[in-house]
Protein backbone atom coordinates (compact mmCIF):
# COMPACT_ATOMS: atom_id res chain seq x y z
CA UNK A 1 139.09 117.83 101.47
CA UNK A 2 136.08 118.32 103.81
CA UNK A 3 136.75 117.98 107.55
CA UNK A 4 135.42 114.77 109.03
CA UNK A 5 132.96 115.58 111.90
CA UNK A 6 131.38 113.04 114.18
CA UNK A 7 128.46 113.33 116.56
CA UNK A 8 128.48 112.42 120.26
CA UNK A 9 127.89 108.76 119.44
CA UNK A 10 130.87 108.67 117.00
CA UNK A 11 128.68 108.65 113.80
CA UNK A 12 130.40 110.33 110.87
CA UNK A 13 128.28 113.19 109.64
CA UNK A 14 127.64 114.26 106.05
CA UNK A 15 128.39 117.91 106.23
CA UNK A 16 127.47 120.91 104.03
CA UNK A 17 130.92 121.00 102.69
CA UNK A 18 130.64 117.43 101.55
CA UNK A 19 127.54 118.21 99.57
CA UNK A 20 129.57 120.03 96.95
CA UNK A 21 132.34 117.61 96.38
CA UNK A 22 131.16 114.21 97.43
CA UNK A 23 129.57 111.55 95.14
CA UNK A 24 126.62 109.86 96.87
CA UNK A 25 126.17 106.19 95.85
CA UNK A 26 122.56 104.94 95.80
CA UNK A 27 121.71 101.17 95.79
CA UNK A 28 119.42 99.91 92.99
CA UNK A 29 115.88 98.53 93.77
CA UNK A 30 113.27 99.89 91.37
CA UNK A 31 114.84 100.78 87.97
CA UNK A 32 112.34 103.45 86.88
CA UNK A 33 111.55 104.97 90.29
CA UNK A 34 115.23 105.21 91.34
CA UNK A 35 116.29 106.90 88.13
CA UNK A 36 113.71 109.58 88.86
CA UNK A 37 114.87 109.79 92.43
CA UNK A 38 118.55 110.26 91.48
CA UNK A 39 117.56 112.95 88.99
CA UNK A 40 115.77 114.89 91.77
CA UNK A 41 118.73 114.59 94.10
CA UNK A 42 120.98 115.93 91.41
CA UNK A 43 118.63 118.82 90.82
CA UNK A 44 119.06 119.72 94.50
CA UNK A 45 122.87 119.77 94.21
CA UNK A 46 123.66 116.32 95.34
CA UNK A 47 126.14 114.36 93.09
CA UNK A 48 124.10 111.10 93.25
CA UNK A 49 124.90 108.07 91.26
CA UNK A 50 122.71 104.90 91.02
CA UNK A 51 124.62 101.61 91.36
CA UNK A 52 123.55 99.10 88.63
CA UNK A 53 126.25 96.55 89.33
CA UNK A 54 125.51 92.90 89.82
CA UNK A 55 127.32 89.55 89.88
CA UNK A 56 128.52 86.91 92.31
CA UNK A 57 131.43 89.11 93.53
CA UNK A 58 128.90 91.45 95.20
CA UNK A 59 127.40 88.45 97.06
CA UNK A 60 130.91 87.41 98.10
CA UNK A 61 131.71 90.91 99.43
CA UNK A 62 128.48 90.85 101.43
CA UNK A 63 129.22 87.44 102.92
CA UNK A 64 132.75 88.61 103.79
CA UNK A 65 131.54 91.63 105.88
CA UNK A 66 128.03 90.65 106.99
CA UNK A 67 127.01 87.68 109.09
CA UNK A 68 125.35 85.03 106.82
CA UNK A 69 122.33 84.84 109.18
CA UNK A 70 121.63 88.47 108.29
CA UNK A 71 118.79 89.37 105.98
CA UNK A 72 119.66 88.68 102.27
CA UNK A 73 118.76 92.18 101.11
CA UNK A 74 121.17 93.72 103.72
CA UNK A 75 123.91 91.37 102.48
CA UNK A 76 123.36 92.39 98.89
CA UNK A 77 123.05 96.16 99.45
CA UNK A 78 126.16 96.19 101.68
CA UNK A 79 128.03 93.97 99.27
CA UNK A 80 127.13 96.26 96.39
CA UNK A 81 128.41 99.29 98.32
CA UNK A 82 131.74 97.75 99.28
CA UNK A 83 132.26 96.37 95.79
CA UNK A 84 131.78 99.84 94.40
CA UNK A 85 134.22 101.38 96.87
CA UNK A 86 136.86 98.75 96.06
CA UNK A 87 136.31 99.08 92.32
CA UNK A 88 138.71 101.99 91.91
CA UNK A 89 136.01 103.98 90.14
CA UNK A 90 135.39 106.35 93.03
CA UNK A 91 137.62 108.54 95.15
CA UNK A 92 136.78 107.04 98.55
CA UNK A 93 137.87 110.21 100.28
CA UNK A 94 134.98 111.99 98.45
CA UNK A 95 132.30 109.29 98.38
CA UNK A 96 129.23 108.88 100.65
CA UNK A 97 126.53 106.21 100.72
CA UNK A 98 122.78 106.65 101.15
CA UNK A 99 120.34 104.03 102.39
CA UNK A 100 116.63 104.07 103.44
CA UNK A 101 115.64 103.55 107.04
CA UNK A 102 111.99 102.96 107.85
CA UNK A 103 112.23 102.77 111.63
CA UNK A 104 109.85 99.79 111.92
CA UNK A 105 110.35 96.43 113.62
CA UNK A 106 111.88 94.82 110.50
CA UNK A 107 115.63 94.14 110.45
CA UNK A 108 115.81 96.64 107.59
CA UNK A 109 115.97 99.45 110.18
CA UNK A 110 119.35 98.07 111.22
CA UNK A 111 120.87 97.86 107.75
CA UNK A 112 122.48 101.26 108.22
CA UNK A 113 124.29 100.08 111.39
CA UNK A 114 125.31 96.83 109.74
CA UNK A 115 126.62 98.89 106.85
CA UNK A 116 128.78 101.14 109.05
CA UNK A 117 130.15 98.04 110.89
CA UNK A 118 131.00 96.45 107.46
CA UNK A 119 132.66 99.66 106.22
CA UNK A 120 134.93 99.71 109.32
CA UNK A 121 135.91 96.10 108.77
CA UNK A 122 136.60 96.74 105.02
CA UNK A 123 138.84 99.82 105.77
CA UNK A 124 136.30 102.50 104.76
CA UNK A 125 135.42 103.90 108.19
CA UNK A 126 135.70 107.44 106.83
CA UNK A 127 132.97 106.99 104.21
CA UNK A 128 129.84 108.71 105.55
CA UNK A 129 126.42 107.02 105.38
CA UNK A 130 123.26 109.05 104.93
CA UNK A 131 119.95 107.80 106.38
CA UNK A 132 117.03 108.46 104.00
CA UNK A 133 114.07 108.54 106.33
CA UNK A 134 110.99 110.57 107.20
CA UNK A 135 111.00 109.65 110.92
CA UNK A 136 113.81 111.87 112.10
CA UNK A 137 115.92 108.80 112.92
CA UNK A 138 119.22 110.34 111.88
CA UNK A 139 120.06 113.85 110.63
CA UNK A 140 123.00 115.17 108.68
CA UNK A 141 123.90 118.94 108.24
CA UNK A 142 124.66 118.34 104.62
CA UNK A 143 121.46 116.41 103.64
CA UNK A 144 117.89 117.29 104.31
CA UNK A 145 114.48 116.26 102.93
CA UNK A 146 112.70 119.57 102.32
CA UNK A 147 109.00 119.72 101.55
CA UNK A 148 109.60 120.53 97.79
CA UNK A 149 112.02 117.63 97.58
CA UNK A 150 109.64 115.24 99.23
CA UNK A 151 106.84 116.47 96.99
CA UNK A 152 108.89 115.71 93.92
CA UNK A 153 109.77 112.27 95.25
CA UNK A 154 106.04 111.52 95.70
CA UNK A 155 105.40 112.53 92.21
CA UNK A 156 108.22 110.17 91.09
CA UNK A 157 106.70 107.29 92.92
CA UNK A 158 103.29 107.83 91.19
CA UNK A 159 104.96 108.24 87.67
CA UNK A 160 107.27 105.28 88.39
CA UNK A 161 104.21 103.12 89.30
CA UNK A 162 102.41 104.18 86.20
CA UNK A 163 105.36 103.42 83.85
CA UNK A 164 106.12 100.09 85.54
CA UNK A 165 102.47 98.97 85.34
CA UNK A 166 102.01 100.05 81.62
CA UNK A 167 105.29 98.48 80.49
CA UNK A 168 104.27 95.20 82.17
CA UNK A 169 100.85 95.29 80.46
CA UNK A 170 102.19 96.19 77.00
CA UNK A 171 105.50 94.26 76.80
CA UNK A 172 104.15 90.72 76.55
CA UNK A 173 101.89 91.60 73.62
CA UNK A 174 103.88 94.30 71.64
CA UNK A 175 104.17 93.66 67.98
CA UNK A 176 107.62 95.33 67.78
CA UNK A 177 109.87 94.06 70.60
CA UNK A 178 111.33 96.90 72.59
CA UNK A 179 108.59 99.45 71.94
CA UNK A 180 107.42 99.55 75.59
CA UNK A 181 111.00 99.88 76.97
CA UNK A 182 111.66 102.75 74.53
CA UNK A 183 108.49 104.44 75.65
CA UNK A 184 109.61 104.08 79.35
CA UNK A 185 112.98 105.62 78.56
CA UNK A 186 111.34 108.50 76.63
CA UNK A 187 108.92 109.26 79.50
CA UNK A 188 111.50 108.86 82.25
CA UNK A 189 113.70 111.48 80.64
CA UNK A 190 110.76 113.78 79.94
CA UNK A 191 109.29 113.48 83.46
CA UNK A 192 112.67 113.95 85.10
CA UNK A 193 112.89 117.33 83.43
CA UNK A 194 109.36 118.34 84.26
CA UNK A 195 109.52 117.21 87.87
CA UNK A 196 112.78 119.10 88.51
CA UNK A 197 111.19 122.19 86.97
CA UNK A 198 108.25 121.83 89.39
CA UNK A 199 105.92 121.37 86.40
CA UNK A 200 104.69 117.88 87.10
CA UNK A 201 104.00 117.74 90.85
CA UNK A 202 100.47 119.19 91.47
CA UNK A 203 97.36 117.10 91.15
CA UNK A 204 96.32 119.06 88.01
CA UNK A 205 99.76 118.55 86.43
CA UNK A 206 99.93 114.86 87.32
CA UNK A 207 96.47 114.29 85.93
CA UNK A 208 97.58 115.87 82.60
CA UNK A 209 100.82 113.97 82.26
CA UNK A 210 99.47 110.60 83.47
CA UNK A 211 96.63 110.78 80.87
CA UNK A 212 99.16 111.68 78.12
CA UNK A 213 101.48 108.93 79.27
CA UNK A 214 98.72 106.34 79.26
CA UNK A 215 97.52 107.41 75.87
CA UNK A 216 101.09 107.11 74.53
CA UNK A 217 101.40 103.49 75.78
CA UNK A 218 97.97 102.70 74.30
CA UNK A 219 99.32 103.74 70.87
CA UNK A 220 101.86 100.91 70.88
CA UNK A 221 100.71 98.12 68.45
CA UNK A 222 99.95 94.96 70.34
CA UNK A 223 98.71 91.45 69.52
CA UNK A 224 96.61 90.10 72.37
CA UNK A 225 96.89 86.36 72.86
CA UNK A 226 96.06 84.21 75.89
CA UNK A 227 99.01 84.17 78.28
CA UNK A 228 99.71 82.89 81.80
CA UNK A 229 99.34 85.81 84.20
CA UNK A 230 101.79 85.87 87.13
CA UNK A 231 101.88 88.31 90.03
CA UNK A 232 105.07 88.99 92.13
CA UNK A 233 104.91 89.78 95.79
CA UNK A 234 107.23 89.54 98.79
CA UNK A 235 109.78 91.44 100.77
CA UNK A 236 110.14 94.91 99.12
CA UNK A 237 113.78 94.62 98.06
CA UNK A 238 113.57 91.04 96.80
CA UNK A 239 110.29 91.74 95.06
CA UNK A 240 111.60 94.66 93.07
CA UNK A 241 115.38 94.41 92.65
CA UNK A 242 116.29 92.15 89.69
CA UNK A 243 119.66 91.39 91.20
CA UNK A 244 118.00 90.12 94.39
CA UNK A 245 115.41 87.90 92.72
CA UNK A 246 117.74 86.57 89.93
CA UNK A 247 115.95 88.63 87.29
CA UNK A 248 112.56 86.98 88.07
CA UNK A 249 110.62 89.29 85.71
CA UNK A 250 112.90 88.44 82.82
CA UNK A 251 112.64 84.73 83.58
CA UNK A 252 108.83 84.89 83.59
CA UNK A 253 108.88 86.88 80.30
CA UNK A 254 111.01 84.09 78.79
CA UNK A 255 108.18 81.62 79.92
CA UNK A 256 105.75 83.73 77.91
CA UNK A 257 103.93 85.18 80.87
CA UNK A 258 102.32 88.64 81.57
CA UNK A 259 103.77 89.96 84.89
CA UNK A 260 102.06 92.09 87.48
CA UNK A 261 104.19 93.71 90.20
CA UNK A 262 102.23 95.86 92.68
CA UNK A 263 103.39 99.45 92.76
CA UNK A 264 105.27 101.30 95.50
CA UNK A 265 102.52 103.79 96.44
CA UNK A 266 100.53 101.24 98.41
CA UNK A 267 103.64 100.31 100.49
CA UNK A 268 104.21 104.02 101.25
CA UNK A 269 100.51 104.43 102.25
CA UNK A 270 100.83 101.24 104.37
CA UNK A 271 103.76 102.79 106.31
CA UNK A 272 102.00 106.18 106.83
CA UNK A 273 98.72 104.46 107.84
CA UNK A 274 100.69 102.46 110.47
CA UNK A 275 101.84 105.71 112.08
CA UNK A 276 98.20 106.83 112.28
CA UNK A 277 97.27 103.51 113.91
CA UNK A 278 100.05 103.79 116.40
CA UNK A 279 98.67 107.16 117.55
CA UNK A 280 95.09 105.93 117.61
CA UNK A 281 95.91 102.85 119.70
CA UNK A 282 98.80 104.00 121.96
CA UNK A 283 98.13 107.75 122.11
CA UNK A 284 100.33 110.63 120.93
CA UNK A 285 100.32 114.16 119.82
CA UNK A 286 97.17 115.31 118.11
CA UNK A 287 99.18 117.79 116.09
CA UNK A 288 101.44 115.02 114.86
CA UNK A 289 98.35 112.91 113.99
CA UNK A 290 96.95 115.82 111.89
CA UNK A 291 100.18 116.29 110.00
CA UNK A 292 100.46 112.59 109.18
CA UNK A 293 96.75 112.50 108.21
CA UNK A 294 97.23 115.40 105.77
CA UNK A 295 100.16 113.52 104.25
CA UNK A 296 98.12 110.34 104.04
CA UNK A 297 95.22 112.08 102.28
CA UNK A 298 97.71 113.68 99.89
CA UNK A 299 99.10 110.23 98.95
CA UNK A 300 95.55 108.90 98.43
CA UNK A 301 94.69 111.76 96.08
CA UNK A 302 97.83 111.01 94.09
CA UNK A 303 96.90 107.38 93.81
CA UNK A 304 93.34 108.31 92.77
CA UNK A 305 94.71 110.42 89.95
CA UNK A 306 96.97 107.52 88.81
CA UNK A 307 93.95 104.99 88.82
CA UNK A 308 91.77 107.47 86.77
CA UNK A 309 94.50 107.90 84.26
CA UNK A 310 94.91 104.21 83.64
CA UNK A 311 91.17 103.79 83.46
CA UNK A 312 91.04 106.48 80.70
CA UNK A 313 92.35 103.77 78.27
CA UNK A 314 90.04 100.66 78.33
CA UNK A 315 92.94 98.45 77.06
CA UNK A 316 94.65 98.74 80.40
CA UNK A 317 93.78 97.33 83.84
CA UNK A 318 94.16 99.88 86.66
CA UNK A 319 95.76 99.08 90.02
CA UNK A 320 93.50 98.68 93.04
CA UNK A 321 93.32 101.49 95.58
CA UNK A 322 94.96 101.17 98.94
CA UNK A 323 91.59 101.36 100.63
CA UNK A 324 90.33 98.38 98.56
CA UNK A 325 93.47 96.36 99.17
CA UNK A 326 93.18 96.93 102.88
CA UNK A 327 89.50 95.82 102.93
CA UNK A 328 90.45 92.59 101.31
CA UNK A 329 92.18 91.30 104.44
CA UNK A 330 89.44 92.34 106.92
CA UNK A 331 88.87 89.18 108.90
CA UNK A 332 91.76 87.34 107.13
CA UNK A 333 94.73 88.74 109.01
CA UNK A 334 94.95 91.44 111.77
CA UNK A 335 95.84 95.02 110.90
CA UNK A 336 98.23 94.94 113.84
CA UNK A 337 100.39 92.61 111.82
CA UNK A 338 102.63 95.26 110.31
CA UNK A 339 106.28 94.29 110.70
CA UNK A 340 108.00 94.42 107.29
CA UNK A 341 105.36 94.12 104.68
CA UNK A 342 102.84 92.90 107.23
CA UNK A 343 99.28 92.40 106.33
CA UNK A 344 99.87 94.31 103.05
CA UNK A 345 101.68 91.15 101.71
CA UNK A 346 98.64 89.00 102.25
CA UNK A 347 96.41 91.76 100.78
CA UNK A 348 98.51 92.08 97.66
CA UNK A 349 98.17 88.32 97.00
CA UNK A 350 94.37 88.57 97.40
CA UNK A 351 94.23 91.63 95.20
CA UNK A 352 96.33 89.99 92.48
CA UNK A 353 94.22 86.87 92.49
CA UNK A 354 91.04 89.04 92.35
CA UNK A 355 92.50 90.83 89.38
CA UNK A 356 93.12 87.56 87.41
CA UNK A 357 96.70 87.05 88.46
CA UNK A 358 96.01 83.93 90.47
CA UNK A 359 99.45 82.59 89.74
CA UNK A 360 101.76 84.28 92.27
CA UNK A 361 105.45 84.11 93.13
CA UNK A 362 106.06 85.07 96.76
CA UNK A 363 109.69 86.13 96.83
CA UNK A 364 111.16 86.17 100.30
CA UNK A 365 114.64 86.29 101.93
CA UNK A 366 115.32 83.05 103.70
CA UNK A 367 114.57 83.53 107.43
CA UNK A 368 112.51 86.68 106.94
CA UNK A 369 109.95 86.07 109.72
CA UNK A 370 107.25 88.67 108.57
CA UNK A 371 107.35 87.24 105.01
CA UNK A 372 107.15 83.64 106.21
CA UNK A 373 104.12 84.49 108.30
CA UNK A 374 102.25 86.98 106.14
CA UNK A 375 103.34 85.41 102.85
CA UNK A 376 104.01 81.62 103.01
CA UNK A 377 101.96 81.34 106.21
CA UNK A 378 98.80 82.73 104.60
CA UNK A 379 98.76 80.60 101.46
CA UNK A 380 96.27 77.96 102.77
CA UNK A 381 93.90 80.78 103.93
CA UNK A 382 94.11 82.61 100.59
CA UNK A 383 93.38 79.40 98.75
CA UNK A 384 90.28 78.85 100.96
CA UNK A 385 89.10 82.36 99.90
CA UNK A 386 90.08 81.94 96.16
CA UNK A 387 90.46 78.25 95.05
CA UNK A 388 92.19 79.47 91.86
CA UNK A 389 95.13 80.92 93.80
CA UNK A 390 98.25 79.17 92.63
CA UNK A 391 101.03 80.44 94.86
CA UNK A 392 104.72 79.40 95.12
CA UNK A 393 106.96 80.82 97.89
CA UNK A 394 110.59 81.13 96.75
CA UNK A 395 113.44 81.66 99.18
CA UNK A 396 116.32 83.85 98.19
CA UNK A 397 119.69 83.72 99.91
CA UNK A 398 123.40 83.10 99.01
CA UNK A 399 123.01 79.29 99.21
CA UNK A 400 119.86 79.06 97.16
CA UNK A 401 120.56 78.01 93.58
CA UNK A 402 118.91 79.83 90.59
CA UNK A 403 118.18 76.53 88.90
CA UNK A 404 116.21 75.19 91.93
CA UNK A 405 114.31 78.48 92.25
CA UNK A 406 113.40 78.47 88.51
CA UNK A 407 112.41 74.74 88.64
CA UNK A 408 109.99 75.43 91.42
CA UNK A 409 108.46 78.36 89.52
CA UNK A 410 108.24 76.17 86.46
CA UNK A 411 106.15 73.65 88.41
CA UNK A 412 103.79 76.44 89.42
CA UNK A 413 103.65 77.55 85.78
CA UNK A 414 102.85 73.97 84.61
CA UNK A 415 99.73 74.13 86.75
CA UNK A 416 98.99 77.67 85.47
CA UNK A 417 99.24 76.49 81.82
CA UNK A 418 96.89 73.56 82.44
CA UNK A 419 94.36 76.02 84.04
CA UNK A 420 94.74 78.32 81.10
CA UNK A 421 94.07 75.52 78.66
CA UNK A 422 91.04 74.51 80.64
CA UNK A 423 89.63 78.02 80.67
CA UNK A 424 90.20 78.26 76.85
CA UNK A 425 88.34 75.01 76.39
CA UNK A 426 85.42 76.33 78.50
CA UNK A 427 85.28 79.52 76.35
CA UNK A 428 84.87 77.48 73.15
CA UNK A 429 81.99 75.45 74.55
């Protein structure tokens, strides 16, 4: 058993000895992306495992150890971790947890501290927690983000965005149900192997694989019929995690909708761009600015390759570039509004409406101030810009019932269906 070592603050460290014998549990958020991430961690010698559990017991565990005024995503992630530790499936003396930490003004930066507090209350004080961050917030001798590992993770984000986008565009129209999902599984396995070998990370390699991937999806037989198009935006965890949004994408699919969920790359660019703005406005190291700018330019190149690959097949609609999305909110909301999802949330709604997905579900944790301001608070202004915008904000928290949430979405869809019929009538005139 590895020796337990703590730093000066009392924080339990993940040591080099732990790397060999400890299982690292990862919370679920983005199905495709996180499968690729876990595969990369395993390649670097970490025994990573993705938690796919769900159910009311996880919510109850969260409520037991986290104050109910705390952000809903924190409650779910912490509840999922504690549920896993109590399940008997893992040797808790050889188990660690990993959680992202952005370092911004959002409460999400404090999840890691809330998690440690909850672990102590639940009797798991000796389970180490690893912070996954690029800001140097916390360091562990047994876990590090090397440049090759980060490069592979960026590639995984780009491929994950491509697979998510293509599945969402094919799935509602596929002739044989399940074809798009099978294609995602095929490419996720293939890309995991290629990324870990270092054969899919350069711009040239990504261009090759993204074009092949897009062509493969284009080969799936589809039958195009008019459908209500719905975009999903909101707080990053509730927007992406099916468990957090009560399987919102599945519900919309059952309502015969085509769903559009903006990719992760714009959020990453948004966070990096914010660091550049901080140095421009408040001052800072020129060397640090240069390093961050190089990283930002690299991400932009990756996104450009993705967009060009999707454009290579006329049957698909490419995502908008970060630069275009950012310009959409010029004069609408200030670029200094960057807590949580900040101005990007408003921009994604404008971009979705511009792309024909005027019907939008804004998924937000109850009491999430950035989302209430930049999401719900901007609806009237967005409608003034695009009168077709049909936006419904939905709160998610332990006391919100799924029936009530789905009924509110159905009211939005009723308007959307009437609009679709009206447009169909206009086309026949």
